[in-house]
Amino acid sequence: VLYLKIADDPVPAHRLQWQWQVIDALPATDLAKTSGDDRILSIYVAFSDNSMMSRIKAMVSPLTAGNVLNYVWGGAQLLDIAHPYFPNTGRLIVRRKADTPTGAWLDESVGLEADYQRAFGTPSPGVLYIAVSGDADALGLISKGQIRNIVLQ
């Protein structure tokens, strides 16, 4: 996982936009479970209330600082579920299934505030980190994809 700290203190954000492209895809996996849950690309948005406990947790992993929305390209089906690895503080939202055609840049735009409110039942406290990743270890394959033009509004 590659993390980018947005600012020293969480910033209000209502929308996230980006473009992503898959060059070499992976077969579809079941992203609702923790074993064999490989995915092509992911964008994580980590929120924080900026409390001392949140800051200490962020030193271990930015994804533990607070609640996390995880937008994914991969898996066999569109999902909007509690994240299998951190079900109390994370939401996994599949935006593109593994069988989405590859090669072209695709635009994404998500309503962070609405997604956060739906997932956690409260207004978002602010974004502290954005992270990107891919995961192909369980399949033992190589996948190639790119993410660009990430815009937090």
Protein backbone atom coordinates (compact mmCIF):
# COMPACT_ATOMS: atom_id res chain seq x y z
CA VAL A 1 0.00 0.00 0.00
CA LEU A 2 1.34 3.43 -0.96
CA TYR A 3 0.11 6.21 1.36
CA LEU A 4 -0.10 9.96 0.87
CA LYS A 5 -0.72 12.12 3.90
CA ILE A 6 -3.06 14.91 2.83
CA ALA A 7 -2.18 17.38 5.59
CA ASP A 8 -1.09 17.50 9.21
CA ASP A 9 -4.72 17.78 10.25
CA PRO A 10 -7.71 16.09 8.57
CA VAL A 11 -9.27 18.14 5.77
CA PRO A 12 -12.96 18.32 4.92
CA ALA A 13 -13.71 16.59 1.63
CA HIS A 14 -16.96 15.78 -0.12
CA ARG A 15 -15.80 14.23 -3.38
CA LEU A 16 -12.93 12.18 -4.74
CA GLN A 17 -12.20 11.88 -8.45
CA TRP A 18 -9.56 9.84 -10.25
CA GLN A 19 -8.80 7.92 -13.41
CA TRP A 20 -7.65 4.33 -13.49
CA GLN A 21 -6.59 1.92 -16.16
CA VAL A 22 -5.94 -1.80 -16.07
CA ILE A 23 -3.44 -3.20 -18.54
CA ASP A 24 -3.26 -6.80 -17.30
CA ALA A 25 -6.21 -7.93 -15.21
CA LEU A 26 -6.63 -10.66 -12.61
CA PRO A 27 -9.35 -13.29 -12.52
CA ALA A 28 -12.32 -12.41 -10.33
CA THR A 29 -12.01 -13.31 -6.64
CA ASP A 30 -14.39 -13.12 -3.70
CA LEU A 31 -13.61 -9.81 -2.02
CA ALA A 32 -16.07 -10.47 0.81
CA LYS A 33 -13.58 -12.84 2.49
CA THR A 34 -10.01 -12.41 3.67
CA SER A 35 -8.43 -15.42 1.98
CA GLY A 36 -7.81 -15.24 -1.76
CA ASP A 37 -9.26 -11.73 -2.01
CA ASP A 38 -6.90 -10.41 -4.70
CA ARG A 39 -7.92 -7.26 -6.50
CA ILE A 40 -6.44 -5.29 -9.37
CA LEU A 41 -6.48 -1.78 -7.91
CA SER A 42 -7.69 -0.07 -4.74
CA ILE A 43 -7.97 3.46 -3.48
CA TYR A 44 -8.32 3.93 0.27
CA VAL A 45 -9.58 7.12 1.87
CA ALA A 46 -8.65 7.25 5.56
CA PHE A 47 -10.61 9.60 7.79
CA SER A 48 -9.53 10.80 11.20
CA ASP A 49 -11.05 12.72 14.09
CA ASN A 50 -7.55 14.04 14.91
CA SER A 51 -7.69 12.73 18.45
CA MET A 52 -4.51 11.64 20.22
CA MET A 53 -5.58 7.99 19.89
CA SER A 54 -6.14 8.46 16.17
CA ARG A 55 -2.67 9.95 15.77
CA ILE A 56 -1.07 7.06 17.68
CA LYS A 57 -2.92 4.49 15.56
CA ALA A 58 -1.80 6.27 12.37
CA MET A 59 1.83 5.74 13.39
CA VAL A 60 1.24 1.98 13.16
CA SER A 61 -0.76 2.17 9.92
CA PRO A 62 -2.55 5.12 8.33
CA LEU A 63 -5.49 2.82 7.64
CA THR A 64 -6.06 2.41 11.39
CA ALA A 65 -6.23 6.15 12.18
CA GLY A 66 -10.01 6.13 11.86
CA ASN A 67 -12.66 4.94 9.44
CA VAL A 68 -11.72 3.96 5.88
CA LEU A 69 -13.54 3.85 2.57
CA ASN A 70 -11.91 1.43 0.10
CA TYR A 71 -12.84 1.79 -3.59
CA VAL A 72 -11.87 -1.25 -5.64
CA TRP A 73 -11.39 -2.47 -9.22
CA GLY A 74 -11.64 -6.24 -9.00
CA GLY A 75 -13.73 -9.06 -7.66
CA ALA A 76 -16.57 -11.04 -9.15
CA GLN A 77 -19.41 -8.68 -8.24
CA LEU A 78 -20.21 -5.12 -7.31
CA LEU A 79 -20.14 -4.84 -3.53
CA ASP A 80 -20.73 -2.27 -0.82
CA ILE A 81 -19.94 -4.16 2.40
CA ALA A 82 -18.15 -3.94 5.73
CA HIS A 83 -14.46 -4.36 4.94
CA PRO A 84 -13.41 -7.97 5.69
CA TYR A 85 -10.12 -6.89 7.31
CA PHE A 86 -11.52 -4.07 9.45
CA PRO A 87 -15.31 -4.59 9.60
CA ASN A 88 -15.96 -2.03 12.34
CA THR A 89 -14.00 0.80 10.74
CA GLY A 90 -13.87 0.05 7.02
CA ARG A 91 -16.14 -0.13 4.01
CA LEU A 92 -15.24 -1.97 0.78
CA ILE A 93 -16.95 -0.58 -2.31
CA VAL A 94 -16.33 -2.32 -5.63
CA ARG A 95 -16.59 0.27 -8.42
CA ARG A 96 -15.36 -1.95 -11.28
CA LYS A 97 -15.56 -5.74 -11.45
CA ALA A 98 -12.57 -7.80 -12.57
CA ASP A 99 -14.16 -8.40 -15.98
CA THR A 100 -14.35 -4.67 -16.81
CA PRO A 101 -12.68 -4.15 -20.21
CA THR A 102 -9.02 -3.20 -19.93
CA GLY A 103 -6.74 -0.78 -21.75
CA ALA A 104 -8.76 2.45 -21.53
CA TRP A 105 -8.56 5.13 -18.85
CA LEU A 106 -11.83 5.20 -16.89
CA ASP A 107 -13.06 8.15 -14.87
CA GLU A 108 -14.39 7.71 -11.34
CA SER A 109 -16.10 10.16 -9.04
CA VAL A 110 -17.43 9.28 -5.61
CA GLY A 111 -19.34 11.24 -3.02
CA LEU A 112 -17.17 10.81 0.08
CA GLU A 113 -19.57 12.46 2.48
CA ALA A 114 -22.54 10.38 1.29
CA ASP A 115 -20.55 7.14 1.28
CA TYR A 116 -19.16 7.87 4.75
CA GLN A 117 -22.58 8.73 6.15
CA ARG A 118 -24.08 5.54 4.68
CA ALA A 119 -21.21 3.37 5.97
CA PHE A 120 -20.72 4.81 9.46
CA GLY A 121 -23.91 6.73 10.27
CA THR A 122 -22.20 10.04 11.08
CA PRO A 123 -20.77 12.99 9.16
CA SER A 124 -17.15 12.45 8.09
CA PRO A 125 -14.50 13.98 10.37
CA GLY A 126 -12.08 14.79 7.54
CA VAL A 127 -9.56 13.01 5.33
CA LEU A 128 -6.03 12.43 6.57
CA TYR A 129 -4.64 9.88 4.06
CA ILE A 130 -5.23 8.60 0.55
CA ALA A 131 -3.65 5.25 -0.31
CA VAL A 132 -3.42 3.11 -3.44
CA SER A 133 -2.66 -0.58 -3.78
CA GLY A 134 -3.05 -3.78 -5.73
CA ASP A 135 -3.11 -7.35 -4.44
CA ALA A 136 -2.19 -10.50 -6.37
CA ASP A 137 -0.35 -12.64 -3.83
CA ALA A 138 -3.00 -15.34 -3.33
CA LEU A 139 -3.33 -15.93 -7.07
CA GLY A 140 0.43 -15.80 -7.57
CA LEU A 141 -0.07 -13.70 -10.68
CA ILE A 142 1.03 -10.28 -11.88
CA SER A 143 -1.44 -7.53 -12.63
CA LYS A 144 -0.67 -4.14 -14.12
CA GLY A 145 -2.74 -1.05 -13.59
CA GLN A 146 -2.38 2.69 -13.15
CA ILE A 147 -4.12 5.43 -11.22
CA ARG A 148 -3.76 9.10 -12.05
CA ASN A 149 -5.32 12.52 -11.51
CA ILE A 150 -6.51 11.92 -7.96
CA VAL A 151 -8.47 15.02 -6.91
CA LEU A 152 -9.88 15.53 -3.43
CA GLN A 153 -12.58 18.21 -3.22
